[in-house]
């Protein structure tokens, strides 16, 4: 019986996912059928050891990502009033968010799709 392979990376180490060019931290190590697999940034999906590199070893371009969390004011099914429509009520039936980024500026804009509720 052969001795199990020792993992190259340890939990907490900063690495680069080679084919994506993204930087992350190792958050888990798994063994499956004799292979060592790594969880990165607590995400679903595992990476093989040969797909990961130390930052110092990586020769490609590193891609920067921004994590955007949007707090929606209204959700689908909410009943809302709209400025300029004093006596009408509307139901939110959909929404989309547009994210705008420029070199030194950025903003998010949410557009709601509404359905006018008829009064009896």
PDB file of N, CA and C in Angstrom:
ATOM      1  N   UNK A   1       0.845  -1.182   0.000  1.00  0.00           N
ATOM      2  CA  UNK A   1       0.000   0.000   0.000  1.00  0.00           C
ATOM      3  C   UNK A   1       0.886   1.240   0.000  1.00  0.00           C
ATOM      4  N   UNK A   2       0.582   2.185  -0.868  1.00  0.00           N
ATOM      5  CA  UNK A   2       1.398   3.386  -0.963  1.00  0.00           C
ATOM      6  C   UNK A   2       0.933   4.424   0.038  1.00  0.00           C
ATOM      7  N   UNK A   3       1.867   5.245   0.430  1.00  0.00           N
ATOM      8  CA  UNK A   3       1.591   6.309   1.390  1.00  0.00           C
ATOM      9  C   UNK A   3       0.801   7.425   0.685  1.00  0.00           C
ATOM     10  N   UNK A   4      -0.276   7.975   1.317  1.00  0.00           N
ATOM     11  CA  UNK A   4      -1.064   9.034   0.675  1.00  0.00           C
ATOM     12  C   UNK A   4      -0.206  10.261   0.355  1.00  0.00           C
ATOM     13  N   UNK A   5      -0.492  10.856  -0.783  1.00  0.00           N
ATOM     14  CA  UNK A   5       0.202  12.061  -1.217  1.00  0.00           C
ATOM     15  C   UNK A   5      -0.082  13.194  -0.248  1.00  0.00           C
ATOM     16  N   UNK A   6       0.914  14.012   0.009  1.00  0.00           N
ATOM     17  CA  UNK A   6       0.762  15.159   0.907  1.00  0.00           C
ATOM     18  C   UNK A   6       0.285  16.371   0.100  1.00  0.00           C
ATOM     19  N   UNK A   7      -0.724  17.121   0.587  1.00  0.00           N
ATOM     20  CA  UNK A   7      -1.227  18.280  -0.154  1.00  0.00           C
ATOM     21  C   UNK A   7      -0.150  19.353  -0.337  1.00  0.00           C
ATOM     22  N   UNK A   8      -0.120  19.958  -1.520  1.00  0.00           N
ATOM     23  CA  UNK A   8       0.830  21.035  -1.817  1.00  0.00           C
ATOM     24  C   UNK A   8       0.443  22.312  -1.075  1.00  0.00           C
ATOM     25  N   UNK A   9      -0.873  22.598  -1.002  1.00  0.00           N
ATOM     26  CA  UNK A   9      -1.379  23.825  -0.382  1.00  0.00           C
ATOM     27  C   UNK A   9      -2.039  23.509   0.949  1.00  0.00           C
ATOM     28  N   UNK A  10      -2.065  24.496   1.828  1.00  0.00           N
ATOM     29  CA  UNK A  10      -2.715  24.341   3.126  1.00  0.00           C
ATOM     30  C   UNK A  10      -3.903  25.285   3.226  1.00  0.00           C
ATOM     31  N   UNK A  11      -4.837  24.953   4.102  1.00  0.00           N
ATOM     32  CA  UNK A  11      -6.000  25.810   4.333  1.00  0.00           C
ATOM     33  C   UNK A  11      -5.518  27.179   4.803  1.00  0.00           C
ATOM     34  N   UNK A  12      -6.084  28.222   4.202  1.00  0.00           N
ATOM     35  CA  UNK A  12      -5.714  29.592   4.553  1.00  0.00           C
ATOM     36  C   UNK A  12      -4.687  30.212   3.627  1.00  0.00           C
ATOM     37  N   UNK A  13      -4.027  29.397   2.792  1.00  0.00           N
ATOM     38  CA  UNK A  13      -3.028  29.950   1.882  1.00  0.00           C
ATOM     39  C   UNK A  13      -3.702  30.646   0.698  1.00  0.00           C
ATOM     40  N   UNK A  14      -3.078  31.723   0.239  1.00  0.00           N
ATOM     41  CA  UNK A  14      -3.568  32.458  -0.916  1.00  0.00           C
ATOM     42  C   UNK A  14      -2.990  31.827  -2.175  1.00  0.00           C
ATOM     43  N   UNK A  15      -3.882  31.542  -3.133  1.00  0.00           N
ATOM     44  CA  UNK A  15      -3.477  30.884  -4.368  1.00  0.00           C
ATOM     45  C   UNK A  15      -4.106  31.588  -5.572  1.00  0.00           C
ATOM     46  N   UNK A  16      -3.695  31.165  -6.771  1.00  0.00           N
ATOM     47  CA  UNK A  16      -4.296  31.630  -8.015  1.00  0.00           C
ATOM     48  C   UNK A  16      -4.885  30.421  -8.714  1.00  0.00           C
ATOM     49  N   UNK A  17      -6.147  30.545  -9.157  1.00  0.00           N
ATOM     50  CA  UNK A  17      -6.756  29.499  -9.974  1.00  0.00           C
ATOM     51  C   UNK A  17      -6.280  29.778 -11.394  1.00  0.00           C
ATOM     52  N   UNK A  18      -5.397  28.935 -11.895  1.00  0.00           N
ATOM     53  CA  UNK A  18      -4.674  29.191 -13.138  1.00  0.00           C
ATOM     54  C   UNK A  18      -5.524  29.515 -14.345  1.00  0.00           C
ATOM     55  N   UNK A  19      -6.508  28.692 -14.676  1.00  0.00           N
ATOM     56  CA  UNK A  19      -7.275  28.905 -15.904  1.00  0.00           C
ATOM     57  C   UNK A  19      -8.239  30.083 -15.801  1.00  0.00           C
ATOM     58  N   UNK A  20      -8.525  30.552 -14.589  1.00  0.00           N
ATOM     59  CA  UNK A  20      -9.374  31.730 -14.405  1.00  0.00           C
ATOM     60  C   UNK A  20      -8.550  32.994 -14.169  1.00  0.00           C
ATOM     61  N   UNK A  21      -7.372  32.823 -13.597  1.00  0.00           N
ATOM     62  CA  UNK A  21      -6.546  33.978 -13.258  1.00  0.00           C
ATOM     63  C   UNK A  21      -7.037  34.712 -12.038  1.00  0.00           C
ATOM     64  N   UNK A  22      -7.843  34.037 -11.192  1.00  0.00           N
ATOM     65  CA  UNK A  22      -8.388  34.690 -10.004  1.00  0.00           C
ATOM     66  C   UNK A  22      -7.641  34.255  -8.757  1.00  0.00           C
ATOM     67  N   UNK A  23      -7.571  35.170  -7.812  1.00  0.00           N
ATOM     68  CA  UNK A  23      -6.889  34.923  -6.546  1.00  0.00           C
ATOM     69  C   UNK A  23      -7.914  34.498  -5.513  1.00  0.00           C
ATOM     70  N   UNK A  24      -7.558  33.546  -4.669  1.00  0.00           N
ATOM     71  CA  UNK A  24      -8.457  33.106  -3.618  1.00  0.00           C
ATOM     72  C   UNK A  24      -7.699  32.456  -2.485  1.00  0.00           C
ATOM     73  N   UNK A  25      -8.430  32.021  -1.483  1.00  0.00           N
ATOM     74  CA  UNK A  25      -7.837  31.315  -0.341  1.00  0.00           C
ATOM     75  C   UNK A  25      -8.344  29.891  -0.317  1.00  0.00           C
ATOM     76  N   UNK A  26      -7.477  28.969   0.023  1.00  0.00           N
ATOM     77  CA  UNK A  26      -7.863  27.574   0.175  1.00  0.00           C
ATOM     78  C   UNK A  26      -8.699  27.476   1.445  1.00  0.00           C
ATOM     79  N   UNK A  27      -9.932  26.964   1.306  1.00  0.00           N
ATOM     80  CA  UNK A  27     -10.826  26.863   2.466  1.00  0.00           C
ATOM     81  C   UNK A  27     -11.165  25.416   2.811  1.00  0.00           C
ATOM     82  N   UNK A  28     -10.696  24.483   2.000  1.00  0.00           N
ATOM     83  CA  UNK A  28     -10.944  23.080   2.306  1.00  0.00           C
ATOM     84  C   UNK A  28     -10.081  22.178   1.446  1.00  0.00           C
ATOM     85  N   UNK A  29      -9.765  20.995   1.974  1.00  0.00           N
ATOM     86  CA  UNK A  29      -8.985  20.002   1.241  1.00  0.00           C
ATOM     87  C   UNK A  29      -9.729  18.680   1.336  1.00  0.00           C
ATOM     88  N   UNK A  30      -9.946  18.029   0.189  1.00  0.00           N
ATOM     89  CA  UNK A  30     -10.672  16.757   0.130  1.00  0.00           C
ATOM     90  C   UNK A  30      -9.817  15.732  -0.603  1.00  0.00           C
ATOM     91  N   UNK A  31     -10.061  14.480  -0.326  1.00  0.00           N
ATOM     92  CA  UNK A  31      -9.425  13.384  -1.061  1.00  0.00           C
ATOM     93  C   UNK A  31     -10.518  12.569  -1.723  1.00  0.00           C
ATOM     94  N   UNK A  32     -10.328  12.300  -3.010  1.00  0.00           N
ATOM     95  CA  UNK A  32     -11.299  11.525  -3.762  1.00  0.00           C
ATOM     96  C   UNK A  32     -10.552  10.621  -4.736  1.00  0.00           C
ATOM     97  N   UNK A  33     -10.724   9.321  -4.563  1.00  0.00           N
ATOM     98  CA  UNK A  33     -10.078   8.322  -5.408  1.00  0.00           C
ATOM     99  C   UNK A  33      -8.584   8.575  -5.548  1.00  0.00           C
ATOM    100  N   UNK A  34      -7.934   8.889  -4.456  1.00  0.00           N
ATOM    101  CA  UNK A  34      -6.495   9.085  -4.442  1.00  0.00           C
ATOM    102  C   UNK A  34      -6.025  10.458  -4.885  1.00  0.00           C
ATOM    103  N   UNK A  35      -6.935  11.305  -5.315  1.00  0.00           N
ATOM    104  CA  UNK A  35      -6.568  12.658  -5.756  1.00  0.00           C
ATOM    105  C   UNK A  35      -6.871  13.659  -4.652  1.00  0.00           C
ATOM    106  N   UNK A  36      -6.047  14.698  -4.599  1.00  0.00           N
ATOM    107  CA  UNK A  36      -6.275  15.786  -3.647  1.00  0.00           C
ATOM    108  C   UNK A  36      -7.023  16.890  -4.387  1.00  0.00           C
ATOM    109  N   UNK A  37      -8.137  17.333  -3.810  1.00  0.00           N
ATOM    110  CA  UNK A  37      -8.955  18.389  -4.389  1.00  0.00           C
ATOM    111  C   UNK A  37      -9.078  19.529  -3.385  1.00  0.00           C
ATOM    112  N   UNK A  38      -9.134  20.740  -3.904  1.00  0.00           N
ATOM    113  CA  UNK A  38      -9.143  21.926  -3.049  1.00  0.00           C
ATOM    114  C   UNK A  38     -10.426  22.733  -3.227  1.00  0.00           C
ATOM    115  N   UNK A  39     -10.976  23.168  -2.114  1.00  0.00           N
ATOM    116  CA  UNK A  39     -12.094  24.113  -2.105  1.00  0.00           C
ATOM    117  C   UNK A  39     -11.481  25.498  -1.965  1.00  0.00           C
ATOM    118  N   UNK A  40     -11.978  26.448  -2.766  1.00  0.00           N
ATOM    119  CA  UNK A  40     -11.432  27.805  -2.739  1.00  0.00           C
ATOM    120  C   UNK A  40     -12.561  28.788  -2.435  1.00  0.00           C
ATOM    121  N   UNK A  41     -12.334  29.657  -1.468  1.00  0.00           N
ATOM    122  CA  UNK A  41     -13.280  30.714  -1.069  1.00  0.00           C
ATOM    123  C   UNK A  41     -14.653  30.168  -0.680  1.00  0.00           C
ATOM    124  N   UNK A  42     -14.699  28.994  -0.074  1.00  0.00           N
ATOM    125  CA  UNK A  42     -15.952  28.376   0.384  1.00  0.00           C
ATOM    126  C   UNK A  42     -16.981  28.219  -0.735  1.00  0.00           C
ATOM    127  N   UNK A  43     -16.551  28.107  -1.958  1.00  0.00           N
ATOM    128  CA  UNK A  43     -17.458  27.968  -3.099  1.00  0.00           C
ATOM    129  C   UNK A  43     -17.679  26.495  -3.410  1.00  0.00           C
ATOM    130  N   UNK A  44     -18.799  26.239  -4.099  1.00  0.00           N
ATOM    131  CA  UNK A  44     -19.032  24.885  -4.581  1.00  0.00           C
ATOM    132  C   UNK A  44     -18.032  24.600  -5.681  1.00  0.00           C
ATOM    133  N   UNK A  45     -17.714  23.359  -5.860  1.00  0.00           N
ATOM    134  CA  UNK A  45     -16.738  22.975  -6.876  1.00  0.00           C
ATOM    135  C   UNK A  45     -15.373  22.826  -6.249  1.00  0.00           C
ATOM    136  N   UNK A  46     -14.640  21.889  -6.774  1.00  0.00           N
ATOM    137  CA  UNK A  46     -13.304  21.599  -6.256  1.00  0.00           C
ATOM    138  C   UNK A  46     -12.290  21.702  -7.382  1.00  0.00           C
ATOM    139  N   UNK A  47     -11.064  22.037  -7.041  1.00  0.00           N
ATOM    140  CA  UNK A  47     -10.001  22.196  -8.020  1.00  0.00           C
ATOM    141  C   UNK A  47      -8.905  21.176  -7.772  1.00  0.00           C
ATOM    142  N   UNK A  48      -8.383  20.615  -8.860  1.00  0.00           N
ATOM    143  CA  UNK A  48      -7.249  19.714  -8.740  1.00  0.00           C
ATOM    144  C   UNK A  48      -5.998  20.538  -8.460  1.00  0.00           C
ATOM    145  N   UNK A  49      -5.023  19.877  -7.885  1.00  0.00           N
ATOM    146  CA  UNK A  49      -3.802  20.557  -7.478  1.00  0.00           C
ATOM    147  C   UNK A  49      -3.086  21.231  -8.647  1.00  0.00           C
ATOM    148  N   UNK A  50      -3.108  20.613  -9.820  1.00  0.00           N
ATOM    149  CA  UNK A  50      -2.385  21.188 -10.957  1.00  0.00           C
ATOM    150  C   UNK A  50      -3.076  22.418 -11.545  1.00  0.00           C
ATOM    151  N   UNK A  51      -4.282  22.754 -11.079  1.00  0.00           N
ATOM    152  CA  UNK A  51      -4.990  23.951 -11.541  1.00  0.00           C
ATOM    153  C   UNK A  51      -4.679  25.165 -10.665  1.00  0.00           C
ATOM    154  N   UNK A  52      -3.979  24.945  -9.560  1.00  0.00           N
ATOM    155  CA  UNK A  52      -3.709  26.018  -8.597  1.00  0.00           C
ATOM    156  C   UNK A  52      -2.221  26.333  -8.553  1.00  0.00           C
ATOM    157  N   UNK A  53      -1.915  27.594  -8.262  1.00  0.00           N
ATOM    158  CA  UNK A  53      -0.532  28.057  -8.198  1.00  0.00           C
ATOM    159  C   UNK A  53      -0.373  29.016  -7.025  1.00  0.00           C
ATOM    160  N   UNK A  54       0.841  29.068  -6.483  1.00  0.00           N
ATOM    161  CA  UNK A  54       1.171  30.155  -5.566  1.00  0.00           C
ATOM    162  C   UNK A  54       1.274  31.428  -6.409  1.00  0.00           C
ATOM    163  N   UNK A  55       0.968  32.575  -5.827  1.00  0.00           N
ATOM    164  CA  UNK A  55       1.001  33.835  -6.578  1.00  0.00           C
ATOM    165  C   UNK A  55       2.384  34.058  -7.191  1.00  0.00           C
ATOM    166  N   UNK A  56       3.415  33.728  -6.462  1.00  0.00           N
ATOM    167  CA  UNK A  56       4.788  33.941  -6.940  1.00  0.00           C
ATOM    168  C   UNK A  56       5.093  33.075  -8.164  1.00  0.00           C
ATOM    169  N   UNK A  57       4.455  31.907  -8.272  1.00  0.00           N
ATOM    170  CA  UNK A  57       4.707  30.972  -9.373  1.00  0.00           C
ATOM    171  C   UNK A  57       3.891  31.293 -10.616  1.00  0.00           C
ATOM    172  N   UNK A  58       2.777  32.009 -10.457  1.00  0.00           N
ATOM    173  CA  UNK A  58       1.839  32.209 -11.552  1.00  0.00           C
ATOM    174  C   UNK A  58       2.391  33.188 -12.572  1.00  0.00           C
ATOM    175  N   UNK A  59       2.347  32.810 -13.860  1.00  0.00           N
ATOM    176  CA  UNK A  59       2.918  33.640 -14.916  1.00  0.00           C
ATOM    177  C   UNK A  59       1.872  34.329 -15.787  1.00  0.00           C
ATOM    178  N   UNK A  60       0.589  34.052 -15.583  1.00  0.00           N
ATOM    179  CA  UNK A  60      -0.464  34.663 -16.395  1.00  0.00           C
ATOM    180  C   UNK A  60      -0.920  35.982 -15.824  1.00  0.00           C
ATOM    181  N   UNK A  61      -2.032  36.477 -16.330  1.00  0.00           N
ATOM    182  CA  UNK A  61      -2.630  37.724 -15.845  1.00  0.00           C
ATOM    183  C   UNK A  61      -3.623  37.415 -14.739  1.00  0.00           C
ATOM    184  N   UNK A  62      -3.557  38.182 -13.661  1.00  0.00           N
ATOM    185  CA  UNK A  62      -4.487  38.014 -12.547  1.00  0.00           C
ATOM    186  C   UNK A  62      -5.689  38.922 -12.793  1.00  0.00           C
ATOM    187  N   UNK A  63      -6.881  38.335 -12.734  1.00  0.00           N
ATOM    188  CA  UNK A  63      -8.127  39.061 -12.955  1.00  0.00           C
ATOM    189  C   UNK A  63      -8.684  39.516 -11.619  1.00  0.00           C
ATOM    190  N   UNK A  64      -9.091  40.787 -11.545  1.00  0.00           N
ATOM    191  CA  UNK A  64      -9.684  41.309 -10.311  1.00  0.00           C
ATOM    192  C   UNK A  64     -11.197  41.221 -10.416  1.00  0.00           C
ATOM    193  N   UNK A  65     -11.838  40.766  -9.356  1.00  0.00           N
ATOM    194  CA  UNK A  65     -13.286  40.688  -9.295  1.00  0.00           C
ATOM    195  C   UNK A  65     -13.786  41.512  -8.127  1.00  0.00           C
ATOM    196  N   UNK A  66     -14.977  42.015  -8.270  1.00  0.00           N
ATOM    197  CA  UNK A  66     -15.616  42.776  -7.211  1.00  0.00           C
ATOM    198  C   UNK A  66     -16.860  42.021  -6.774  1.00  0.00           C
ATOM    199  N   UNK A  67     -17.049  41.868  -5.494  1.00  0.00           N
ATOM    200  CA  UNK A  67     -18.261  41.233  -4.982  1.00  0.00           C
ATOM    201  C   UNK A  67     -19.265  42.337  -4.687  1.00  0.00           C
ATOM    202  N   UNK A  68     -20.415  42.277  -5.358  1.00  0.00           N
ATOM    203  CA  UNK A  68     -21.439  43.302  -5.204  1.00  0.00           C
ATOM    204  C   UNK A  68     -22.636  42.684  -4.499  1.00  0.00           C
ATOM    205  N   UNK A  69     -23.046  43.278  -3.398  1.00  0.00           N
ATOM    206  CA  UNK A  69     -24.244  42.838  -2.697  1.00  0.00           C
ATOM    207  C   UNK A  69     -25.273  43.948  -2.794  1.00  0.00           C
ATOM    208  N   UNK A  70     -26.440  43.616  -3.313  1.00  0.00           N
ATOM    209  CA  UNK A  70     -27.476  44.612  -3.531  1.00  0.00           C
ATOM    210  C   UNK A  70     -28.648  44.336  -2.600  1.00  0.00           C
ATOM    211  N   UNK A  71     -29.058  45.355  -1.859  1.00  0.00           N
ATOM    212  CA  UNK A  71     -30.226  45.240  -0.981  1.00  0.00           C
ATOM    213  C   UNK A  71     -31.414  45.797  -1.742  1.00  0.00           C
ATOM    214  N   UNK A  72     -32.337  44.927  -2.101  1.00  0.00           N
ATOM    215  CA  UNK A  72     -33.512  45.359  -2.852  1.00  0.00           C
ATOM    216  C   UNK A  72     -34.536  45.966  -1.912  1.00  0.00           C
ATOM    217  N   UNK A  73     -35.134  47.077  -2.328  1.00  0.00           N
ATOM    218  CA  UNK A  73     -36.140  47.761  -1.529  1.00  0.00           C
ATOM    219  C   UNK A  73     -37.474  47.019  -1.605  1.00  0.00           C
ATOM    220  N   UNK A  74     -37.770  46.429  -2.775  1.00  0.00           N
ATOM    221  CA  UNK A  74     -39.020  45.709  -2.977  1.00  0.00           C
ATOM    222  C   UNK A  74     -38.724  44.350  -3.587  1.00  0.00           C
ATOM    223  N   UNK A  75     -39.598  43.383  -3.310  1.00  0.00           N
ATOM    224  CA  UNK A  75     -39.449  42.035  -3.861  1.00  0.00           C
ATOM    225  C   UNK A  75     -40.674  41.693  -4.695  1.00  0.00           C
ATOM    226  N   UNK A  76     -40.572  40.659  -5.513  1.00  0.00           N
ATOM    227  CA  UNK A  76     -41.693  40.233  -6.343  1.00  0.00           C
ATOM    228  C   UNK A  76     -42.881  39.901  -5.443  1.00  0.00           C
ATOM    229  N   UNK A  77     -44.052  40.444  -5.819  1.00  0.00           N
ATOM    230  CA  UNK A  77     -45.273  40.225  -5.039  1.00  0.00           C
ATOM    231  C   UNK A  77     -45.617  41.368  -4.115  1.00  0.00           C
ATOM    232  N   UNK A  78     -44.680  42.266  -3.844  1.00  0.00           N
ATOM    233  CA  UNK A  78     -44.956  43.416  -2.970  1.00  0.00           C
ATOM    234  C   UNK A  78     -45.952  44.357  -3.640  1.00  0.00           C
ATOM    235  N   UNK A  79     -46.809  44.963  -2.834  1.00  0.00           N
ATOM    236  CA  UNK A  79     -47.751  45.976  -3.300  1.00  0.00           C
ATOM    237  C   UNK A  79     -47.128  47.334  -2.976  1.00  0.00           C
ATOM    238  N   UNK A  80     -47.039  48.214  -3.990  1.00  0.00           N
ATOM    239  CA  UNK A  80     -46.346  49.489  -3.807  1.00  0.00           C
ATOM    240  C   UNK A  80     -47.180  50.641  -4.361  1.00  0.00           C
ATOM    241  N   UNK A  81     -46.863  51.847  -3.894  1.00  0.00           N
ATOM    242  CA  UNK A  81     -47.412  53.077  -4.457  1.00  0.00           C
ATOM    243  C   UNK A  81     -46.301  53.713  -5.283  1.00  0.00           C
ATOM    244  N   UNK A  82     -46.715  54.446  -6.326  1.00  0.00           N
ATOM    245  CA  UNK A  82     -45.756  55.106  -7.197  1.00  0.00           C
ATOM    246  C   UNK A  82     -46.038  56.596  -7.194  1.00  0.00           C
ATOM    247  N   UNK A  83     -44.991  57.394  -7.007  1.00  0.00           N
ATOM    248  CA  UNK A  83     -45.130  58.835  -7.022  1.00  0.00           C
ATOM    249  C   UNK A  83     -45.785  59.279  -8.334  1.00  0.00           C
ATOM    250  N   UNK A  84     -46.774  60.154  -8.237  1.00  0.00           N
ATOM    251  CA  UNK A  84     -47.460  60.630  -9.429  1.00  0.00           C
ATOM    252  C   UNK A  84     -48.723  59.843  -9.756  1.00  0.00           C
ATOM    253  N   UNK A  85     -48.916  58.726  -9.074  1.00  0.00           N
ATOM    254  CA  UNK A  85     -50.117  57.904  -9.259  1.00  0.00           C
ATOM    255  C   UNK A  85     -50.810  57.793  -7.903  1.00  0.00           C
ATOM    256  N   UNK A  86     -51.381  58.910  -7.435  1.00  0.00           N
ATOM    257  CA  UNK A  86     -51.925  59.041  -6.080  1.00  0.00           C
ATOM    258  C   UNK A  86     -52.832  57.901  -5.638  1.00  0.00           C
ATOM    259  N   UNK A  87     -53.789  57.547  -6.473  1.00  0.00           N
ATOM    260  CA  UNK A  87     -54.826  56.623  -6.031  1.00  0.00           C
ATOM    261  C   UNK A  87     -54.630  55.195  -6.542  1.00  0.00           C
ATOM    262  N   UNK A  88     -53.539  54.923  -7.205  1.00  0.00           N
ATOM    263  CA  UNK A  88     -53.313  53.597  -7.776  1.00  0.00           C
ATOM    264  C   UNK A  88     -52.304  52.805  -6.949  1.00  0.00           C
ATOM    265  N   UNK A  89     -52.510  51.514  -6.926  1.00  0.00           N
ATOM    266  CA  UNK A  89     -51.550  50.597  -6.308  1.00  0.00           C
ATOM    267  C   UNK A  89     -50.961  49.717  -7.407  1.00  0.00           C
ATOM    268  N   UNK A  90     -49.728  49.268  -7.201  1.00  0.00           N
ATOM    269  CA  UNK A  90     -49.043  48.432  -8.178  1.00  0.00           C
ATOM    270  C   UNK A  90     -48.459  47.209  -7.484  1.00  0.00           C
ATOM    271  N   UNK A  91     -48.360  46.123  -8.226  1.00  0.00           N
ATOM    272  CA  UNK A  91     -47.740  44.903  -7.724  1.00  0.00           C
ATOM    273  C   UNK A  91     -46.417  44.705  -8.467  1.00  0.00           C
ATOM    274  N   UNK A  92     -45.346  44.420  -7.718  1.00  0.00           N
ATOM    275  CA  UNK A  92     -44.036  44.171  -8.325  1.00  0.00           C
ATOM    276  C   UNK A  92     -44.073  42.775  -8.948  1.00  0.00           C
ATOM    277  N   UNK A  93     -43.861  42.711 -10.279  1.00  0.00           N
ATOM    278  CA  UNK A  93     -43.876  41.410 -10.962  1.00  0.00           C
ATOM    279  C   UNK A  93     -42.499  41.033 -11.515  1.00  0.00           C
ATOM    280  N   UNK A  94     -41.535  41.917 -11.365  1.00  0.00           N
ATOM    281  CA  UNK A  94     -40.173  41.613 -11.812  1.00  0.00           C
ATOM    282  C   UNK A  94     -39.250  42.778 -11.524  1.00  0.00           C
ATOM    283  N   UNK A  95     -37.954  42.527 -11.616  1.00  0.00           N
ATOM    284  CA  UNK A  95     -36.972  43.595 -11.468  1.00  0.00           C
ATOM    285  C   UNK A  95     -35.649  43.149 -12.062  1.00  0.00           C
ATOM    286  N   UNK A  96     -34.823  44.133 -12.385  1.00  0.00           N
ATOM    287  CA  UNK A  96     -33.464  43.856 -12.860  1.00  0.00           C
ATOM    288  C   UNK A  96     -32.542  44.925 -12.292  1.00  0.00           C
ATOM    289  N   UNK A  97     -31.294  44.580 -12.159  1.00  0.00           N
ATOM    290  CA  UNK A  97     -30.320  45.531 -11.658  1.00  0.00           C
ATOM    291  C   UNK A  97     -29.217  45.699 -12.688  1.00  0.00           C
ATOM    292  N   UNK A  98     -28.927  46.931 -13.010  1.00  0.00           N
ATOM    293  CA  UNK A  98     -27.827  47.242 -13.911  1.00  0.00           C
ATOM    294  C   UNK A  98     -26.676  47.761 -13.059  1.00  0.00           C
ATOM    295  N   UNK A  99     -25.501  47.210 -13.290  1.00  0.00           N
ATOM    296  CA  UNK A  99     -24.320  47.597 -12.519  1.00  0.00           C
ATOM    297  C   UNK A  99     -23.367  48.321 -13.462  1.00  0.00           C
ATOM    298  N   UNK A 100     -23.033  49.540 -13.110  1.00  0.00           N
ATOM    299  CA  UNK A 100     -22.186  50.384 -13.952  1.00  0.00           C
ATOM    300  C   UNK A 100     -20.837  50.583 -13.248  1.00  0.00           C
ATOM    301  N   UNK A 101     -19.752  50.330 -13.963  1.00  0.00           N
ATOM    302  CA  UNK A 101     -18.421  50.521 -13.398  1.00  0.00           C
ATOM    303  C   UNK A 101     -17.536  51.250 -14.406  1.00  0.00           C
ATOM    304  N   UNK A 102     -16.873  52.268 -13.900  1.00  0.00           N
ATOM    305  CA  UNK A 102     -15.894  53.001 -14.673  1.00  0.00           C
ATOM    306  C   UNK A 102     -14.614  53.068 -13.847  1.00  0.00           C
ATOM    307  N   UNK A 103     -13.583  53.630 -14.415  1.00  0.00           N
ATOM    308  CA  UNK A 103     -12.276  53.617 -13.757  1.00  0.00           C
ATOM    309  C   UNK A 103     -12.324  54.126 -12.323  1.00  0.00           C
ATOM    310  N   UNK A 104     -12.961  55.265 -12.082  1.00  0.00           N
ATOM    311  CA  UNK A 104     -13.021  55.804 -10.724  1.00  0.00           C
ATOM    312  C   UNK A 104     -14.447  56.086 -10.261  1.00  0.00           C
ATOM    313  N   UNK A 105     -15.418  55.394 -10.829  1.00  0.00           N
ATOM    314  CA  UNK A 105     -16.800  55.642 -10.457  1.00  0.00           C
ATOM    315  C   UNK A 105     -17.606  54.372 -10.679  1.00  0.00           C
ATOM    316  N   UNK A 106     -18.744  54.281 -10.040  1.00  0.00           N
ATOM    317  CA  UNK A 106     -19.604  53.133 -10.230  1.00  0.00           C
ATOM    318  C   UNK A 106     -20.908  53.304  -9.471  1.00  0.00           C
ATOM    319  N   UNK A 107     -21.959  52.652  -9.961  1.00  0.00           N
ATOM    320  CA  UNK A 107     -23.241  52.683  -9.276  1.00  0.00           C
ATOM    321  C   UNK A 107     -24.087  51.516  -9.745  1.00  0.00           C
ATOM    322  N   UNK A 108     -25.153  51.264  -8.991  1.00  0.00           N
ATOM    323  CA  UNK A 108     -26.120  50.229  -9.330  1.00  0.00           C
ATOM    324  C   UNK A 108     -27.479  50.895  -9.486  1.00  0.00           C
ATOM    325  N   UNK A 109     -28.266  50.411 -10.442  1.00  0.00           N
ATOM    326  CA  UNK A 109     -29.597  50.961 -10.667  1.00  0.00           C
ATOM    327  C   UNK A 109     -30.574  49.792 -10.803  1.00  0.00           C
ATOM    328  N   UNK A 110     -31.629  49.796  -9.985  1.00  0.00           N
ATOM    329  CA  UNK A 110     -32.629  48.740 -10.038  1.00  0.00           C
ATOM    330  C   UNK A 110     -33.883  49.266 -10.719  1.00  0.00           C
ATOM    331  N   UNK A 111     -34.382  48.519 -11.690  1.00  0.00           N
ATOM    332  CA  UNK A 111     -35.590  48.867 -12.427  1.00  0.00           C
ATOM    333  C   UNK A 111     -36.648  47.824 -12.077  1.00  0.00           C
ATOM    334  N   UNK A 112     -37.793  48.292 -11.582  1.00  0.00           N
ATOM    335  CA  UNK A 112     -38.881  47.388 -11.188  1.00  0.00           C
ATOM    336  C   UNK A 112     -39.938  47.328 -12.286  1.00  0.00           C
ATOM    337  N   UNK A 113     -40.452  46.137 -12.545  1.00  0.00           N
ATOM    338  CA  UNK A 113     -41.564  45.963 -13.469  1.00  0.00           C
ATOM    339  C   UNK A 113     -42.820  45.837 -12.619  1.00  0.00           C
ATOM    340  N   UNK A 114     -43.833  46.674 -12.940  1.00  0.00           N
ATOM    341  CA  UNK A 114     -45.025  46.762 -12.104  1.00  0.00           C
ATOM    342  C   UNK A 114     -46.294  46.432 -12.897  1.00  0.00           C
ATOM    343  N   UNK A 115     -47.294  45.997 -12.158  1.00  0.00           N
ATOM    344  CA  UNK A 115     -48.617  45.719 -12.714  1.00  0.00           C
ATOM    345  C   UNK A 115     -49.615  46.543 -11.921  1.00  0.00           C
ATOM    346  N   UNK A 116     -50.411  47.367 -12.622  1.00  0.00           N
ATOM    347  CA  UNK A 116     -51.383  48.224 -11.942  1.00  0.00           C
ATOM    348  C   UNK A 116     -52.530  47.365 -11.428  1.00  0.00           C
ATOM    349  N   UNK A 117     -52.880  47.542 -10.158  1.00  0.00           N
ATOM    350  CA  UNK A 117     -53.986  46.801  -9.553  1.00  0.00           C
ATOM    351  C   UNK A 117     -55.243  47.629  -9.699  1.00  0.00           C
ATOM    352  N   UNK A 118     -56.260  47.047 -10.299  1.00  0.00           N
ATOM    353  CA  UNK A 118     -57.530  47.784 -10.484  1.00  0.00           C
ATOM    354  C   UNK A 118     -58.290  47.818  -9.177  1.00  0.00           C
ATOM    355  N   UNK A 119     -58.862  48.976  -8.908  1.00  0.00           N
ATOM    356  CA  UNK A 119     -59.671  49.135  -7.687  1.00  0.00           C
ATOM    357  C   UNK A 119     -61.115  48.744  -8.000  1.00  0.00           C
ATOM    358  N   UNK A 120     -61.761  48.117  -7.048  1.00  0.00           N
ATOM    359  CA  UNK A 120     -63.178  47.722  -7.214  1.00  0.00           C
ATOM    360  C   UNK A 120     -64.109  48.845  -6.830  1.00  0.00           C
TER     361      UNK A 120
END
